[in-house]
Amino acid sequence: MKREEVIRLLVKNLKLAIPEFADEDFDMSKSYRDMGVSSLELVEVVAVTAKEMAVKLTPTALSSVKTTNDLVDVLLKAKGA
């Protein structure tokens, strides 16, 4: 799976979890809090995305995630890409 595919998957799942989330709200370098995403919404997005990618994420791996860039890196590493 390529980086762009993971990003598209995350954006899709953000929009499903947060219907009012708009493309212009999405910024790879901003924290999720800065984009208006709550911690509960983020947990839902991460869980759905990890399931769709067939990867398991540990709390340790997620502890360093601050931005979408970070999350994409963790997901790709878990996928072995």
PDB file of N, CA and C in Angstrom:
ATOM      1  N   MET A   1       0.851  -1.176   0.000  1.00  0.00           N
ATOM      2  CA  MET A   1       0.000   0.000   0.000  1.00  0.00           C
ATOM      3  C   MET A   1       0.894   1.236   0.000  1.00  0.00           C
ATOM      4  N   LYS A   2       0.529   2.201  -0.812  1.00  0.00           N
ATOM      5  CA  LYS A   2       1.328   3.417  -0.943  1.00  0.00           C
ATOM      6  C   LYS A   2       0.830   4.499   0.007  1.00  0.00           C
ATOM      7  N   ARG A   3       1.721   5.429   0.280  1.00  0.00           N
ATOM      8  CA  ARG A   3       1.425   6.538   1.190  1.00  0.00           C
ATOM      9  C   ARG A   3       0.140   7.274   0.777  1.00  0.00           C
ATOM     10  N   GLU A   4      -0.008   7.549  -0.506  1.00  0.00           N
ATOM     11  CA  GLU A   4      -1.182   8.281  -0.995  1.00  0.00           C
ATOM     12  C   GLU A   4      -2.472   7.509  -0.728  1.00  0.00           C
ATOM     13  N   GLU A   5      -2.399   6.192  -0.823  1.00  0.00           N
ATOM     14  CA  GLU A   5      -3.579   5.363  -0.558  1.00  0.00           C
ATOM     15  C   GLU A   5      -3.975   5.431   0.911  1.00  0.00           C
ATOM     16  N   VAL A   6      -2.982   5.424   1.796  1.00  0.00           N
ATOM     17  CA  VAL A   6      -3.254   5.524   3.231  1.00  0.00           C
ATOM     18  C   VAL A   6      -3.872   6.883   3.543  1.00  0.00           C
ATOM     19  N   ILE A   7      -3.351   7.928   2.939  1.00  0.00           N
ATOM     20  CA  ILE A   7      -3.886   9.277   3.161  1.00  0.00           C
ATOM     21  C   ILE A   7      -5.342   9.341   2.698  1.00  0.00           C
ATOM     22  N   ARG A   8      -5.636   8.809   1.523  1.00  0.00           N
ATOM     23  CA  ARG A   8      -7.024   8.803   1.020  1.00  0.00           C
ATOM     24  C   ARG A   8      -7.947   8.030   1.962  1.00  0.00           C
ATOM     25  N   LEU A   9      -7.455   6.911   2.478  1.00  0.00           N
ATOM     26  CA  LEU A   9      -8.235   6.099   3.410  1.00  0.00           C
ATOM     27  C   LEU A   9      -8.516   6.872   4.700  1.00  0.00           C
ATOM     28  N   LEU A  10      -7.508   7.553   5.216  1.00  0.00           N
ATOM     29  CA  LEU A  10      -7.693   8.353   6.433  1.00  0.00           C
ATOM     30  C   LEU A  10      -8.694   9.482   6.214  1.00  0.00           C
ATOM     31  N   VAL A  11      -8.580  10.179   5.105  1.00  0.00           N
ATOM     32  CA  VAL A  11      -9.511  11.277   4.812  1.00  0.00           C
ATOM     33  C   VAL A  11     -10.934  10.730   4.691  1.00  0.00           C
ATOM     34  N   LYS A  12     -11.090   9.613   3.998  1.00  0.00           N
ATOM     35  CA  LYS A  12     -12.414   8.991   3.856  1.00  0.00           C
ATOM     36  C   LYS A  12     -12.999   8.662   5.222  1.00  0.00           C
ATOM     37  N   ASN A  13     -12.181   8.072   6.103  1.00  0.00           N
ATOM     38  CA  ASN A  13     -12.661   7.676   7.422  1.00  0.00           C
ATOM     39  C   ASN A  13     -12.899   8.873   8.334  1.00  0.00           C
ATOM     40  N   LEU A  14     -12.116   9.930   8.166  1.00  0.00           N
ATOM     41  CA  LEU A  14     -12.382  11.166   8.911  1.00  0.00           C
ATOM     42  C   LEU A  14     -13.747  11.724   8.533  1.00  0.00           C
ATOM     43  N   LYS A  15     -14.051  11.716   7.245  1.00  0.00           N
ATOM     44  CA  LYS A  15     -15.337  12.244   6.777  1.00  0.00           C
ATOM     45  C   LYS A  15     -16.506  11.367   7.230  1.00  0.00           C
ATOM     46  N   LEU A  16     -16.289  10.065   7.337  1.00  0.00           N
ATOM     47  CA  LEU A  16     -17.345   9.182   7.833  1.00  0.00           C
ATOM     48  C   LEU A  16     -17.592   9.402   9.323  1.00  0.00           C
ATOM     49  N   ALA A  17     -16.523   9.585  10.083  1.00  0.00           N
ATOM     50  CA  ALA A  17     -16.640   9.783  11.528  1.00  0.00           C
ATOM     51  C   ALA A  17     -17.124  11.183  11.874  1.00  0.00           C
ATOM     52  N   ILE A  18     -16.744  12.160  11.036  1.00  0.00           N
ATOM     53  CA  ILE A  18     -17.071  13.563  11.286  1.00  0.00           C
ATOM     54  C   ILE A  18     -17.655  14.132   9.994  1.00  0.00           C
ATOM     55  N   PRO A  19     -18.955  14.001   9.800  1.00  0.00           N
ATOM     56  CA  PRO A  19     -19.561  14.423   8.528  1.00  0.00           C
ATOM     57  C   PRO A  19     -19.276  15.875   8.147  1.00  0.00           C
ATOM     58  N   GLU A  20     -19.106  16.741   9.128  1.00  0.00           N
ATOM     59  CA  GLU A  20     -18.842  18.149   8.818  1.00  0.00           C
ATOM     60  C   GLU A  20     -17.374  18.426   8.485  1.00  0.00           C
ATOM     61  N   PHE A  21     -16.530  17.396   8.553  1.00  0.00           N
ATOM     62  CA  PHE A  21     -15.113  17.563   8.234  1.00  0.00           C
ATOM     63  C   PHE A  21     -14.966  17.823   6.739  1.00  0.00           C
ATOM     64  N   ALA A  22     -14.308  18.920   6.388  1.00  0.00           N
ATOM     65  CA  ALA A  22     -14.164  19.319   4.984  1.00  0.00           C
ATOM     66  C   ALA A  22     -12.723  19.136   4.521  1.00  0.00           C
ATOM     67  N   ASP A  23     -12.553  18.983   3.212  1.00  0.00           N
ATOM     68  CA  ASP A  23     -11.212  18.817   2.647  1.00  0.00           C
ATOM     69  C   ASP A  23     -10.279  19.948   3.066  1.00  0.00           C
ATOM     70  N   GLU A  24     -10.803  21.165   3.123  1.00  0.00           N
ATOM     71  CA  GLU A  24      -9.939  22.300   3.477  1.00  0.00           C
ATOM     72  C   GLU A  24      -9.505  22.265   4.946  1.00  0.00           C
ATOM     73  N   ASP A  25     -10.166  21.438   5.782  1.00  0.00           N
ATOM     74  CA  ASP A  25      -9.753  21.276   7.177  1.00  0.00           C
ATOM     75  C   ASP A  25      -8.536  20.361   7.298  1.00  0.00           C
ATOM     76  N   PHE A  26      -8.289  19.570   6.258  1.00  0.00           N
ATOM     77  CA  PHE A  26      -7.240  18.553   6.315  1.00  0.00           C
ATOM     78  C   PHE A  26      -5.874  19.159   6.032  1.00  0.00           C
ATOM     79  N   ASP A  27      -4.951  18.940   6.966  1.00  0.00           N
ATOM     80  CA  ASP A  27      -3.574  19.426   6.829  1.00  0.00           C
ATOM     81  C   ASP A  27      -2.655  18.372   7.434  1.00  0.00           C
ATOM     82  N   MET A  28      -1.823  17.765   6.606  1.00  0.00           N
ATOM     83  CA  MET A  28      -0.942  16.671   7.037  1.00  0.00           C
ATOM     84  C   MET A  28      -0.026  17.043   8.193  1.00  0.00           C
ATOM     85  N   SER A  29       0.311  18.327   8.313  1.00  0.00           N
ATOM     86  CA  SER A  29       1.277  18.732   9.330  1.00  0.00           C
ATOM     87  C   SER A  29       0.623  19.249  10.613  1.00  0.00           C
ATOM     88  N   LYS A  30      -0.698  19.437  10.607  1.00  0.00           N
ATOM     89  CA  LYS A  30      -1.391  19.922  11.806  1.00  0.00           C
ATOM     90  C   LYS A  30      -1.735  18.756  12.722  1.00  0.00           C
ATOM     91  N   SER A  31      -1.836  19.065  13.998  1.00  0.00           N
ATOM     92  CA  SER A  31      -2.306  18.045  14.930  1.00  0.00           C
ATOM     93  C   SER A  31      -3.800  17.830  14.693  1.00  0.00           C
ATOM     94  N   TYR A  32      -4.291  16.682  15.128  1.00  0.00           N
ATOM     95  CA  TYR A  32      -5.717  16.415  14.960  1.00  0.00           C
ATOM     96  C   TYR A  32      -6.542  17.406  15.766  1.00  0.00           C
ATOM     97  N   ARG A  33      -6.066  17.773  16.923  1.00  0.00           N
ATOM     98  CA  ARG A  33      -6.761  18.767  17.747  1.00  0.00           C
ATOM     99  C   ARG A  33      -6.898  20.080  16.982  1.00  0.00           C
ATOM    100  N   ASP A  34      -5.813  20.497  16.309  1.00  0.00           N
ATOM    101  CA  ASP A  34      -5.853  21.740  15.524  1.00  0.00           C
ATOM    102  C   ASP A  34      -6.823  21.642  14.348  1.00  0.00           C
ATOM    103  N   MET A  35      -7.074  20.426  13.875  1.00  0.00           N
ATOM    104  CA  MET A  35      -8.029  20.235  12.779  1.00  0.00           C
ATOM    105  C   MET A  35      -9.457  20.056  13.294  1.00  0.00           C
ATOM    106  N   GLY A  36      -9.633  20.097  14.630  1.00  0.00           N
ATOM    107  CA  GLY A  36     -10.968  19.976  15.210  1.00  0.00           C
ATOM    108  C   GLY A  36     -11.436  18.553  15.432  1.00  0.00           C
ATOM    109  N   VAL A  37     -10.499  17.603  15.467  1.00  0.00           N
ATOM    110  CA  VAL A  37     -10.834  16.194  15.665  1.00  0.00           C
ATOM    111  C   VAL A  37     -10.627  15.847  17.140  1.00  0.00           C
ATOM    112  N   SER A  38     -11.674  15.340  17.794  1.00  0.00           N
ATOM    113  CA  SER A  38     -11.557  14.964  19.205  1.00  0.00           C
ATOM    114  C   SER A  38     -10.799  13.646  19.336  1.00  0.00           C
ATOM    115  N   SER A  39     -10.361  13.355  20.541  1.00  0.00           N
ATOM    116  CA  SER A  39      -9.618  12.113  20.763  1.00  0.00           C
ATOM    117  C   SER A  39     -10.504  10.893  20.502  1.00  0.00           C
ATOM    118  N   LEU A  40     -11.781  10.967  20.847  1.00  0.00           N
ATOM    119  CA  LEU A  40     -12.687   9.842  20.585  1.00  0.00           C
ATOM    120  C   LEU A  40     -12.905   9.638  19.089  1.00  0.00           C
ATOM    121  N   GLU A  41     -13.043  10.728  18.361  1.00  0.00           N
ATOM    122  CA  GLU A  41     -13.187  10.624  16.906  1.00  0.00           C
ATOM    123  C   GLU A  41     -11.926  10.038  16.288  1.00  0.00           C
ATOM    124  N   LEU A  42     -10.779  10.451  16.792  1.00  0.00           N
ATOM    125  CA  LEU A  42      -9.512   9.941  16.269  1.00  0.00           C
ATOM    126  C   LEU A  42      -9.377   8.441  16.521  1.00  0.00           C
ATOM    127  N   VAL A  43      -9.770   7.994  17.706  1.00  0.00           N
ATOM    128  CA  VAL A  43      -9.718   6.562  18.016  1.00  0.00           C
ATOM    129  C   VAL A  43     -10.577   5.777  17.023  1.00  0.00           C
ATOM    130  N   GLU A  44     -11.760   6.293  16.726  1.00  0.00           N
ATOM    131  CA  GLU A  44     -12.644   5.631  15.761  1.00  0.00           C
ATOM    132  C   GLU A  44     -12.001   5.574  14.374  1.00  0.00           C
ATOM    133  N   VAL A  45     -11.431   6.685  13.939  1.00  0.00           N
ATOM    134  CA  VAL A  45     -10.795   6.754  12.618  1.00  0.00           C
ATOM    135  C   VAL A  45      -9.615   5.789  12.539  1.00  0.00           C
ATOM    136  N   VAL A  46      -8.783   5.773  13.570  1.00  0.00           N
ATOM    137  CA  VAL A  46      -7.612   4.892  13.584  1.00  0.00           C
ATOM    138  C   VAL A  46      -8.050   3.426  13.588  1.00  0.00           C
ATOM    139  N   ALA A  47      -9.047   3.091  14.395  1.00  0.00           N
ATOM    140  CA  ALA A  47      -9.508   1.704  14.474  1.00  0.00           C
ATOM    141  C   ALA A  47     -10.057   1.223  13.130  1.00  0.00           C
ATOM    142  N   VAL A  48     -10.886   2.033  12.499  1.00  0.00           N
ATOM    143  CA  VAL A  48     -11.474   1.655  11.209  1.00  0.00           C
ATOM    144  C   VAL A  48     -10.391   1.547  10.140  1.00  0.00           C
ATOM    145  N   THR A  49      -9.479   2.508  10.125  1.00  0.00           N
ATOM    146  CA  THR A  49      -8.412   2.507   9.120  1.00  0.00           C
ATOM    147  C   THR A  49      -7.498   1.299   9.296  1.00  0.00           C
ATOM    148  N   ALA A  50      -7.113   1.012  10.533  1.00  0.00           N
ATOM    149  CA  ALA A  50      -6.249  -0.141  10.794  1.00  0.00           C
ATOM    150  C   ALA A  50      -6.945  -1.439  10.379  1.00  0.00           C
ATOM    151  N   LYS A  51      -8.247  -1.533  10.657  1.00  0.00           N
ATOM    152  CA  LYS A  51      -8.996  -2.736  10.266  1.00  0.00           C
ATOM    153  C   LYS A  51      -9.028  -2.875   8.748  1.00  0.00           C
ATOM    154  N   GLU A  52      -9.288  -1.778   8.046  1.00  0.00           N
ATOM    155  CA  GLU A  52      -9.339  -1.827   6.584  1.00  0.00           C
ATOM    156  C   GLU A  52      -7.982  -2.172   5.980  1.00  0.00           C
ATOM    157  N   MET A  53      -6.913  -1.793   6.670  1.00  0.00           N
ATOM    158  CA  MET A  53      -5.563  -2.097   6.188  1.00  0.00           C
ATOM    159  C   MET A  53      -5.077  -3.457   6.679  1.00  0.00           C
ATOM    160  N   ALA A  54      -5.860  -4.094   7.558  1.00  0.00           N
ATOM    161  CA  ALA A  54      -5.506  -5.389   8.151  1.00  0.00           C
ATOM    162  C   ALA A  54      -4.197  -5.313   8.921  1.00  0.00           C
ATOM    163  N   VAL A  55      -4.076  -4.262   9.755  1.00  0.00           N
ATOM    164  CA  VAL A  55      -2.898  -4.120  10.611  1.00  0.00           C
ATOM    165  C   VAL A  55      -3.338  -3.974  12.059  1.00  0.00           C
ATOM    166  N   LYS A  56      -2.439  -4.339  12.948  1.00  0.00           N
ATOM    167  CA  LYS A  56      -2.669  -4.147  14.380  1.00  0.00           C
ATOM    168  C   LYS A  56      -1.704  -3.076  14.860  1.00  0.00           C
ATOM    169  N   LEU A  57      -2.243  -2.139  15.626  1.00  0.00           N
ATOM    170  CA  LEU A  57      -1.422  -1.055  16.157  1.00  0.00           C
ATOM    171  C   LEU A  57      -1.367  -1.163  17.669  1.00  0.00           C
ATOM    172  N   THR A  58      -0.184  -1.005  18.210  1.00  0.00           N
ATOM    173  CA  THR A  58      -0.021  -1.048  19.656  1.00  0.00           C
ATOM    174  C   THR A  58      -0.151   0.362  20.228  1.00  0.00           C
ATOM    175  N   PRO A  59      -0.552   0.462  21.492  1.00  0.00           N
ATOM    176  CA  PRO A  59      -0.594   1.782  22.124  1.00  0.00           C
ATOM    177  C   PRO A  59       0.768   2.478  22.083  1.00  0.00           C
ATOM    178  N   THR A  60       1.836   1.703  22.191  1.00  0.00           N
ATOM    179  CA  THR A  60       3.181   2.281  22.132  1.00  0.00           C
ATOM    180  C   THR A  60       3.434   2.924  20.779  1.00  0.00           C
ATOM    181  N   ALA A  61       3.039   2.254  19.712  1.00  0.00           N
ATOM    182  CA  ALA A  61       3.241   2.801  18.365  1.00  0.00           C
ATOM    183  C   ALA A  61       2.447   4.081  18.179  1.00  0.00           C
ATOM    184  N   LEU A  62       1.263   4.141  18.768  1.00  0.00           N
ATOM    185  CA  LEU A  62       0.403   5.313  18.601  1.00  0.00           C
ATOM    186  C   LEU A  62       0.765   6.467  19.525  1.00  0.00           C
ATOM    187  N   SER A  63       1.547   6.197  20.552  1.00  0.00           N
ATOM    188  CA  SER A  63       1.850   7.239  21.540  1.00  0.00           C
ATOM    189  C   SER A  63       2.612   8.419  20.954  1.00  0.00           C
ATOM    190  N   SER A  64       3.329   8.207  19.875  1.00  0.00           N
ATOM    191  CA  SER A  64       4.115   9.292  19.282  1.00  0.00           C
ATOM    192  C   SER A  64       3.366  10.030  18.174  1.00  0.00           C
ATOM    193  N   VAL A  65       2.152   9.595  17.862  1.00  0.00           N
ATOM    194  CA  VAL A  65       1.395  10.196  16.762  1.00  0.00           C
ATOM    195  C   VAL A  65       0.825  11.547  17.181  1.00  0.00           C
ATOM    196  N   LYS A  66       1.211  12.567  16.434  1.00  0.00           N
ATOM    197  CA  LYS A  66       0.698  13.920  16.676  1.00  0.00           C
ATOM    198  C   LYS A  66      -0.023  14.461  15.442  1.00  0.00           C
ATOM    199  N   THR A  67       0.460  14.088  14.257  1.00  0.00           N
ATOM    200  CA  THR A  67      -0.085  14.620  13.009  1.00  0.00           C
ATOM    201  C   THR A  67      -0.475  13.466  12.085  1.00  0.00           C
ATOM    202  N   THR A  68      -1.126  13.809  10.996  1.00  0.00           N
ATOM    203  CA  THR A  68      -1.463  12.792  10.003  1.00  0.00           C
ATOM    204  C   THR A  68      -0.202  12.184   9.405  1.00  0.00           C
ATOM    205  N   ASN A  69       0.821  13.002   9.196  1.00  0.00           N
ATOM    206  CA  ASN A  69       2.102  12.465   8.710  1.00  0.00           C
ATOM    207  C   ASN A  69       2.595  11.357   9.628  1.00  0.00           C
ATOM    208  N   ASP A  70       2.537  11.603  10.942  1.00  0.00           N
ATOM    209  CA  ASP A  70       2.978  10.604  11.920  1.00  0.00           C
ATOM    210  C   ASP A  70       2.136   9.334  11.816  1.00  0.00           C
ATOM    211  N   LEU A  71       0.820   9.502  11.725  1.00  0.00           N
ATOM    212  CA  LEU A  71      -0.075   8.350  11.672  1.00  0.00           C
ATOM    213  C   LEU A  71       0.146   7.530  10.404  1.00  0.00           C
ATOM    214  N   VAL A  72       0.333   8.196   9.293  1.00  0.00           N
ATOM    215  CA  VAL A  72       0.607   7.488   8.036  1.00  0.00           C
ATOM    216  C   VAL A  72       1.893   6.676   8.170  1.00  0.00           C
ATOM    217  N   ASP A  73       2.920   7.258   8.765  1.00  0.00           N
ATOM    218  CA  ASP A  73       4.186   6.542   8.970  1.00  0.00           C
ATOM    219  C   ASP A  73       3.977   5.284   9.811  1.00  0.00           C
ATOM    220  N   VAL A  74       3.210   5.404  10.902  1.00  0.00           N
ATOM    221  CA  VAL A  74       2.953   4.267  11.792  1.00  0.00           C
ATOM    222  C   VAL A  74       2.154   3.182  11.060  1.00  0.00           C
ATOM    223  N   LEU A  75       1.142   3.581  10.307  1.00  0.00           N
ATOM    224  CA  LEU A  75       0.333   2.609   9.566  1.00  0.00           C
ATOM    225  C   LEU A  75       1.156   1.886   8.501  1.00  0.00           C
ATOM    226  N   LEU A  76       1.976   2.624   7.788  1.00  0.00           N
ATOM    227  CA  LEU A  76       2.822   1.998   6.761  1.00  0.00           C
ATOM    228  C   LEU A  76       3.838   1.047   7.382  1.00  0.00           C
ATOM    229  N   LYS A  77       4.393   1.434   8.508  1.00  0.00           N
ATOM    230  CA  LYS A  77       5.354   0.565   9.194  1.00  0.00           C
ATOM    231  C   LYS A  77       4.660  -0.724   9.650  1.00  0.00           C
ATOM    232  N   ALA A  78       3.454  -0.592  10.197  1.00  0.00           N
ATOM    233  CA  ALA A  78       2.705  -1.769  10.648  1.00  0.00           C
ATOM    234  C   ALA A  78       2.346  -2.679   9.471  1.00  0.00           C
ATOM    235  N   LYS A  79       2.118  -2.084   8.317  1.00  0.00           N
ATOM    236  CA  LYS A  79       1.775  -2.847   7.110  1.00  0.00           C
ATOM    237  C   LYS A  79       3.012  -3.477   6.476  1.00  0.00           C
ATOM    238  N   GLY A  80       4.181  -2.981   6.871  1.00  0.00           N
ATOM    239  CA  GLY A  80       5.409  -3.506   6.303  1.00  0.00           C
ATOM    240  C   GLY A  80       5.774  -2.872   4.983  1.00  0.00           C
ATOM    241  N   ALA A  81       5.231  -1.696   4.734  1.00  0.00           N
ATOM    242  CA  ALA A  81       5.496  -1.006   3.458  1.00  0.00           C
ATOM    243  C   ALA A  81       6.651  -0.030   3.586  1.00  0.00           C
TER     244      ALA A  81
END
